[in-house]
């Protein structure tokens, strides 16, 4: 299952760090961050609860870029 989320991030490098952090989160099969569109598309692993996984994604993204935001 794929879902798209609006994000807020200040620079392209930070967006790249967010993408890498999201990809390393348990329950995420793949993630793509589009800095220009301020969107994150997340593909979840089979059987993963998207709400729980996205809370973990946000937590992991805040570790690499504390000013970022994902609107869940």
C-alpha atoms as a PDB file:
ATOM      1  CA  UNK A   1       0.000   0.000   0.000  1.00  0.00           C
ATOM      2  CA  UNK A   2       1.273   3.490  -0.892  1.00  0.00           C
ATOM      3  CA  UNK A   3       0.297   6.773   0.699  1.00  0.00           C
ATOM      4  CA  UNK A   4       1.346  10.339   0.084  1.00  0.00           C
ATOM      5  CA  UNK A   5       1.956  12.876   2.865  1.00  0.00           C
ATOM      6  CA  UNK A   6       2.483  16.626   2.805  1.00  0.00           C
ATOM      7  CA  UNK A   7       5.779  17.577   4.410  1.00  0.00           C
ATOM      8  CA  UNK A   8       7.600  20.734   5.389  1.00  0.00           C
ATOM      9  CA  UNK A   9      11.361  20.782   4.961  1.00  0.00           C
ATOM     10  CA  UNK A  10      13.746  23.681   4.310  1.00  0.00           C
ATOM     11  CA  UNK A  11      16.381  22.305   1.949  1.00  0.00           C
ATOM     12  CA  UNK A  12      16.951  19.559  -0.602  1.00  0.00           C
ATOM     13  CA  UNK A  13      19.719  17.959   1.465  1.00  0.00           C
ATOM     14  CA  UNK A  14      17.394  17.762   4.477  1.00  0.00           C
ATOM     15  CA  UNK A  15      14.730  16.175   2.277  1.00  0.00           C
ATOM     16  CA  UNK A  16      17.279  13.570   1.220  1.00  0.00           C
ATOM     17  CA  UNK A  17      18.113  12.833   4.866  1.00  0.00           C
ATOM     18  CA  UNK A  18      14.383  12.436   5.596  1.00  0.00           C
ATOM     19  CA  UNK A  19      14.028   9.989   2.709  1.00  0.00           C
ATOM     20  CA  UNK A  20      16.926   7.861   3.961  1.00  0.00           C
ATOM     21  CA  UNK A  21      15.554   7.877   7.532  1.00  0.00           C
ATOM     22  CA  UNK A  22      12.109   6.846   6.294  1.00  0.00           C
ATOM     23  CA  UNK A  23      13.536   3.981   4.233  1.00  0.00           C
ATOM     24  CA  UNK A  24      15.294   2.590   7.318  1.00  0.00           C
ATOM     25  CA  UNK A  25      12.092   2.549   9.390  1.00  0.00           C
ATOM     26  CA  UNK A  26      10.527  -0.845  10.147  1.00  0.00           C
ATOM     27  CA  UNK A  27       7.339  -1.320   8.132  1.00  0.00           C
ATOM     28  CA  UNK A  28       8.480   0.875   5.232  1.00  0.00           C
ATOM     29  CA  UNK A  29       9.113  -0.935   1.954  1.00  0.00           C
ATOM     30  CA  UNK A  30      10.138   2.244   0.086  1.00  0.00           C
ATOM     31  CA  UNK A  31       9.963   6.007   0.492  1.00  0.00           C
ATOM     32  CA  UNK A  32      10.447   8.927  -1.880  1.00  0.00           C
ATOM     33  CA  UNK A  33      10.656  12.571  -0.827  1.00  0.00           C
ATOM     34  CA  UNK A  34       9.998  15.269  -3.413  1.00  0.00           C
ATOM     35  CA  UNK A  35      11.501  18.492  -2.067  1.00  0.00           C
ATOM     36  CA  UNK A  36       9.982  20.741  -4.754  1.00  0.00           C
ATOM     37  CA  UNK A  37       6.450  19.382  -4.205  1.00  0.00           C
ATOM     38  CA  UNK A  38       6.960  19.099  -0.406  1.00  0.00           C
ATOM     39  CA  UNK A  39       5.578  15.550  -0.466  1.00  0.00           C
ATOM     40  CA  UNK A  40       6.646  12.156   0.821  1.00  0.00           C
ATOM     41  CA  UNK A  41       5.327   8.983  -0.778  1.00  0.00           C
ATOM     42  CA  UNK A  42       5.617   5.912   1.421  1.00  0.00           C
ATOM     43  CA  UNK A  43       5.100   2.301   0.407  1.00  0.00           C
ATOM     44  CA  UNK A  44       4.367   0.133   3.424  1.00  0.00           C
ATOM     45  CA  UNK A  45       5.406  -3.477   3.966  1.00  0.00           C
ATOM     46  CA  UNK A  46       2.658  -6.079   3.791  1.00  0.00           C
ATOM     47  CA  UNK A  47       0.640  -6.170   7.017  1.00  0.00           C
ATOM     48  CA  UNK A  48       2.132  -2.948   8.404  1.00  0.00           C
ATOM     49  CA  UNK A  49      -0.164  -0.483  10.177  1.00  0.00           C
ATOM     50  CA  UNK A  50       0.387   2.802   8.318  1.00  0.00           C
ATOM     51  CA  UNK A  51      -0.486   5.065  11.278  1.00  0.00           C
ATOM     52  CA  UNK A  52       1.949   3.323  13.627  1.00  0.00           C
ATOM     53  CA  UNK A  53       4.689   3.180  10.994  1.00  0.00           C
ATOM     54  CA  UNK A  54       4.305   6.879  10.127  1.00  0.00           C
ATOM     55  CA  UNK A  55       4.713   7.860  13.784  1.00  0.00           C
ATOM     56  CA  UNK A  56       8.037   5.999  13.714  1.00  0.00           C
ATOM     57  CA  UNK A  57       8.960   7.620  10.384  1.00  0.00           C
ATOM     58  CA  UNK A  58       8.337  11.083  11.844  1.00  0.00           C
ATOM     59  CA  UNK A  59      10.402  10.244  14.945  1.00  0.00           C
ATOM     60  CA  UNK A  60      13.294   8.993  12.787  1.00  0.00           C
ATOM     61  CA  UNK A  61      13.106  12.017  10.479  1.00  0.00           C
ATOM     62  CA  UNK A  62      13.208  14.382  13.471  1.00  0.00           C
ATOM     63  CA  UNK A  63      16.490  12.732  14.513  1.00  0.00           C
ATOM     64  CA  UNK A  64      18.181  13.806  11.253  1.00  0.00           C
ATOM     65  CA  UNK A  65      16.278  17.077  10.673  1.00  0.00           C
ATOM     66  CA  UNK A  66      14.569  18.409  13.790  1.00  0.00           C
ATOM     67  CA  UNK A  67      12.786  21.237  11.917  1.00  0.00           C
ATOM     68  CA  UNK A  68      11.025  18.918   9.458  1.00  0.00           C
ATOM     69  CA  UNK A  69       7.326  18.148   9.613  1.00  0.00           C
ATOM     70  CA  UNK A  70       5.149  15.375   8.174  1.00  0.00           C
ATOM     71  CA  UNK A  71       1.441  16.146   8.221  1.00  0.00           C
ATOM     72  CA  UNK A  72      -0.156  12.834   9.193  1.00  0.00           C
END
